[in-house]
Amino acid sequence: MLDVQNDFLDGLETRVVVPLWNPTAFRSGLRNLNPTLSVDGKHVIMDSASIGAVPVGDLRRPVTNVATQQLDIVNALDTLFGSY
């Protein structure tokens, strides 16, 4: 899971997350919606359309920080939500 919620909202009981999949288990022709990210040297696919909220207690400790891939992540969420 990729936690995409602003840390400013840490007081909430849920976090907004996006599932991450092994590239062999997830195929999509929508590169902007489903970018390939690198997490601890492994490639994963961001399943943006499956975004959702989960209870904070269901999440484990963070594995890594993917801030260097922020542009790809924001572009995927922009593709999902569109511009208004």
N, C-alpha and C. Protein backbone atom coordinates (compact mmCIF):
# COMPACT_ATOMS: atom_id res chain seq x y z
N MET A 1 0.83 -1.18 0.00
CA MET A 1 0.00 0.00 0.00
C MET A 1 0.88 1.24 0.00
N LEU A 2 0.43 2.23 -0.74
CA LEU A 2 1.09 3.53 -0.78
C LEU A 2 0.19 4.52 -0.06
N ASP A 3 0.65 5.07 1.02
CA ASP A 3 -0.09 6.06 1.79
C ASP A 3 0.04 7.41 1.08
N VAL A 4 -1.08 7.94 0.58
CA VAL A 4 -1.04 9.20 -0.16
C VAL A 4 -1.71 10.35 0.60
N GLN A 5 -2.07 10.10 1.85
CA GLN A 5 -2.76 11.12 2.64
C GLN A 5 -1.77 12.13 3.21
N ASN A 6 -2.17 13.38 3.23
CA ASN A 6 -1.36 14.45 3.80
C ASN A 6 -1.14 14.20 5.29
N ASP A 7 0.09 14.28 5.75
CA ASP A 7 0.39 14.05 7.17
C ASP A 7 -0.27 15.08 8.08
N PHE A 8 -0.71 16.20 7.52
CA PHE A 8 -1.44 17.20 8.29
C PHE A 8 -2.71 16.59 8.89
N LEU A 9 -3.21 15.52 8.28
CA LEU A 9 -4.44 14.86 8.72
C LEU A 9 -4.17 13.62 9.57
N ASP A 10 -3.03 13.59 10.24
CA ASP A 10 -2.65 12.43 11.06
C ASP A 10 -3.65 12.10 12.15
N GLY A 11 -4.45 13.04 12.58
CA GLY A 11 -5.40 12.80 13.66
C GLY A 11 -6.59 11.95 13.27
N LEU A 12 -6.78 11.71 11.99
CA LEU A 12 -7.90 10.88 11.54
C LEU A 12 -7.63 9.41 11.86
N GLU A 13 -8.69 8.64 11.98
CA GLU A 13 -8.55 7.21 12.28
C GLU A 13 -8.30 6.37 11.04
N THR A 14 -8.31 7.01 9.86
CA THR A 14 -8.06 6.29 8.62
C THR A 14 -6.96 6.99 7.83
N ARG A 15 -6.39 6.25 6.88
CA ARG A 15 -5.41 6.80 5.95
C ARG A 15 -5.87 6.43 4.53
N VAL A 16 -5.67 7.34 3.60
CA VAL A 16 -5.99 7.07 2.20
C VAL A 16 -4.78 6.40 1.57
N VAL A 17 -5.02 5.24 0.97
CA VAL A 17 -3.93 4.44 0.41
C VAL A 17 -4.27 3.99 -1.01
N VAL A 18 -3.23 3.64 -1.74
CA VAL A 18 -3.36 3.10 -3.09
C VAL A 18 -2.62 1.76 -3.10
N PRO A 19 -3.28 0.69 -3.57
CA PRO A 19 -2.59 -0.60 -3.65
C PRO A 19 -1.42 -0.57 -4.63
N LEU A 20 -0.40 -1.33 -4.32
CA LEU A 20 0.75 -1.53 -5.19
C LEU A 20 0.81 -3.00 -5.56
N TRP A 21 1.07 -3.29 -6.82
CA TRP A 21 1.07 -4.67 -7.32
C TRP A 21 2.38 -5.01 -8.00
N ASN A 22 2.70 -6.27 -7.96
CA ASN A 22 3.81 -6.82 -8.73
C ASN A 22 3.44 -6.67 -10.21
N PRO A 23 4.35 -6.21 -11.05
CA PRO A 23 4.02 -6.02 -12.48
C PRO A 23 3.51 -7.28 -13.17
N THR A 24 3.91 -8.45 -12.72
CA THR A 24 3.43 -9.68 -13.37
C THR A 24 1.99 -10.00 -12.97
N ALA A 25 1.50 -9.40 -11.88
CA ALA A 25 0.15 -9.67 -11.41
C ALA A 25 -0.84 -8.58 -11.83
N PHE A 26 -0.35 -7.51 -12.43
CA PHE A 26 -1.22 -6.39 -12.77
C PHE A 26 -0.81 -5.83 -14.12
N ARG A 27 -1.74 -5.83 -15.03
CA ARG A 27 -1.47 -5.29 -16.36
C ARG A 27 -2.44 -4.14 -16.62
N SER A 28 -1.89 -3.05 -17.11
CA SER A 28 -2.71 -1.92 -17.50
C SER A 28 -2.01 -1.18 -18.61
N GLY A 29 -2.78 -0.76 -19.59
CA GLY A 29 -2.22 0.04 -20.67
C GLY A 29 -2.27 1.52 -20.36
N LEU A 30 -2.65 1.86 -19.15
CA LEU A 30 -2.83 3.26 -18.76
C LEU A 30 -1.64 3.72 -17.92
N ARG A 31 -0.55 4.02 -18.57
CA ARG A 31 0.69 4.37 -17.87
C ARG A 31 0.51 5.57 -16.94
N ASN A 32 -0.25 6.58 -17.36
CA ASN A 32 -0.45 7.75 -16.50
C ASN A 32 -1.24 7.40 -15.25
N LEU A 33 -2.21 6.50 -15.37
CA LEU A 33 -3.02 6.10 -14.23
C LEU A 33 -2.30 5.09 -13.35
N ASN A 34 -1.51 4.24 -13.96
CA ASN A 34 -0.84 3.15 -13.25
C ASN A 34 0.67 3.17 -13.49
N PRO A 35 1.36 4.15 -12.90
CA PRO A 35 2.80 4.23 -13.12
C PRO A 35 3.55 3.10 -12.42
N THR A 36 4.70 2.79 -12.95
CA THR A 36 5.61 1.86 -12.29
C THR A 36 6.48 2.65 -11.32
N LEU A 37 6.50 2.22 -10.08
CA LEU A 37 7.30 2.86 -9.04
C LEU A 37 8.38 1.90 -8.58
N SER A 38 9.42 2.43 -7.98
CA SER A 38 10.47 1.62 -7.40
C SER A 38 10.37 1.71 -5.88
N VAL A 39 10.20 0.55 -5.26
CA VAL A 39 10.11 0.47 -3.80
C VAL A 39 11.17 -0.51 -3.32
N ASP A 40 12.16 0.00 -2.64
CA ASP A 40 13.28 -0.81 -2.16
C ASP A 40 13.91 -1.64 -3.27
N GLY A 41 14.09 -1.01 -4.42
CA GLY A 41 14.74 -1.67 -5.54
C GLY A 41 13.86 -2.61 -6.35
N LYS A 42 12.60 -2.72 -5.98
CA LYS A 42 11.66 -3.58 -6.71
C LYS A 42 10.65 -2.71 -7.43
N HIS A 43 10.28 -3.12 -8.64
CA HIS A 43 9.27 -2.40 -9.39
C HIS A 43 7.88 -2.87 -8.98
N VAL A 44 6.99 -1.90 -8.78
CA VAL A 44 5.59 -2.16 -8.46
C VAL A 44 4.72 -1.24 -9.30
N ILE A 45 3.47 -1.64 -9.49
CA ILE A 45 2.52 -0.85 -10.25
C ILE A 45 1.53 -0.21 -9.27
N MET A 46 1.33 1.08 -9.42
CA MET A 46 0.38 1.82 -8.59
C MET A 46 -1.02 1.66 -9.18
N ASP A 47 -1.94 1.06 -8.43
CA ASP A 47 -3.31 0.81 -8.88
C ASP A 47 -4.21 1.97 -8.42
N SER A 48 -4.04 3.11 -9.05
CA SER A 48 -4.70 4.35 -8.62
C SER A 48 -6.22 4.24 -8.54
N ALA A 49 -6.84 3.52 -9.46
CA ALA A 49 -8.30 3.42 -9.48
C ALA A 49 -8.85 2.65 -8.27
N SER A 50 -7.98 1.97 -7.53
CA SER A 50 -8.41 1.22 -6.34
C SER A 50 -8.13 1.97 -5.05
N ILE A 51 -7.97 3.28 -5.14
CA ILE A 51 -7.71 4.11 -3.97
C ILE A 51 -8.82 3.92 -2.94
N GLY A 52 -8.44 3.99 -1.67
CA GLY A 52 -9.44 3.84 -0.61
C GLY A 52 -8.86 4.21 0.74
N ALA A 53 -9.71 4.16 1.74
CA ALA A 53 -9.29 4.47 3.11
C ALA A 53 -9.25 3.19 3.92
N VAL A 54 -8.24 3.07 4.76
CA VAL A 54 -8.12 1.92 5.66
C VAL A 54 -7.88 2.44 7.07
N PRO A 55 -8.30 1.67 8.07
CA PRO A 55 -8.01 2.08 9.45
C PRO A 55 -6.51 2.14 9.70
N VAL A 56 -6.08 3.14 10.43
CA VAL A 56 -4.66 3.31 10.74
C VAL A 56 -4.07 2.04 11.34
N GLY A 57 -4.83 1.37 12.19
CA GLY A 57 -4.35 0.16 12.85
C GLY A 57 -4.08 -0.99 11.91
N ASP A 58 -4.62 -0.94 10.69
CA ASP A 58 -4.39 -2.01 9.71
C ASP A 58 -3.08 -1.83 8.95
N LEU A 59 -2.45 -0.67 9.10
CA LEU A 59 -1.21 -0.41 8.36
C LEU A 59 0.00 -0.81 9.18
N ARG A 60 1.02 -1.27 8.47
CA ARG A 60 2.29 -1.60 9.11
C ARG A 60 3.20 -0.38 9.08
N ARG A 61 4.37 -0.54 9.64
CA ARG A 61 5.37 0.54 9.60
C ARG A 61 5.79 0.78 8.16
N PRO A 62 6.10 2.02 7.82
CA PRO A 62 6.54 2.32 6.45
C PRO A 62 7.80 1.52 6.07
N VAL A 63 7.84 1.11 4.82
CA VAL A 63 8.98 0.37 4.29
C VAL A 63 10.04 1.32 3.77
N THR A 64 9.57 2.37 3.09
CA THR A 64 10.48 3.33 2.47
C THR A 64 9.74 4.63 2.21
N ASN A 65 10.46 5.61 1.73
CA ASN A 65 9.87 6.88 1.35
C ASN A 65 10.03 7.01 -0.16
N VAL A 66 8.93 7.27 -0.86
CA VAL A 66 8.99 7.36 -2.32
C VAL A 66 8.83 8.81 -2.80
N ALA A 67 9.22 9.76 -1.97
CA ALA A 67 9.08 11.18 -2.30
C ALA A 67 9.78 11.55 -3.61
N THR A 68 10.83 10.84 -3.97
CA THR A 68 11.53 11.14 -5.22
C THR A 68 10.68 10.80 -6.44
N GLN A 69 9.60 10.05 -6.23
CA GLN A 69 8.70 9.66 -7.32
C GLN A 69 7.37 10.40 -7.23
N GLN A 70 7.38 11.50 -6.48
CA GLN A 70 6.16 12.27 -6.23
C GLN A 70 5.48 12.72 -7.51
N LEU A 71 6.23 13.13 -8.51
CA LEU A 71 5.63 13.61 -9.76
C LEU A 71 4.79 12.52 -10.41
N ASP A 72 5.31 11.30 -10.49
CA ASP A 72 4.55 10.18 -11.07
C ASP A 72 3.29 9.89 -10.25
N ILE A 73 3.41 9.95 -8.93
CA ILE A 73 2.28 9.66 -8.05
C ILE A 73 1.20 10.73 -8.20
N VAL A 74 1.60 11.99 -8.17
CA VAL A 74 0.64 13.10 -8.32
C VAL A 74 -0.01 13.07 -9.70
N ASN A 75 0.76 12.79 -10.74
CA ASN A 75 0.20 12.69 -12.09
C ASN A 75 -0.85 11.59 -12.18
N ALA A 76 -0.59 10.45 -11.52
CA ALA A 76 -1.55 9.35 -11.53
C ALA A 76 -2.85 9.77 -10.83
N LEU A 77 -2.72 10.44 -9.70
CA LEU A 77 -3.92 10.88 -8.98
C LEU A 77 -4.64 11.97 -9.76
N ASP A 78 -3.92 12.85 -10.42
CA ASP A 78 -4.54 13.85 -11.27
C ASP A 78 -5.30 13.19 -12.43
N THR A 79 -4.72 12.14 -12.99
CA THR A 79 -5.39 11.40 -14.07
C THR A 79 -6.68 10.78 -13.55
N LEU A 80 -6.63 10.24 -12.34
CA LEU A 80 -7.82 9.62 -11.75
C LEU A 80 -8.92 10.63 -11.50
N PHE A 81 -8.57 11.75 -10.89
CA PHE A 81 -9.58 12.72 -10.47
C PHE A 81 -9.90 13.77 -11.51
N GLY A 82 -9.04 13.96 -12.49
CA GLY A 82 -9.27 14.96 -13.53
C GLY A 82 -9.00 16.35 -13.01
N SER A 83 -9.06 17.31 -13.89
CA SER A 83 -8.85 18.68 -13.48
C SER A 83 -10.18 19.42 -13.54
N TYR A 84 -10.37 20.29 -12.59
CA TYR A 84 -11.64 21.02 -12.49
C TYR A 84 -11.40 22.50 -12.56
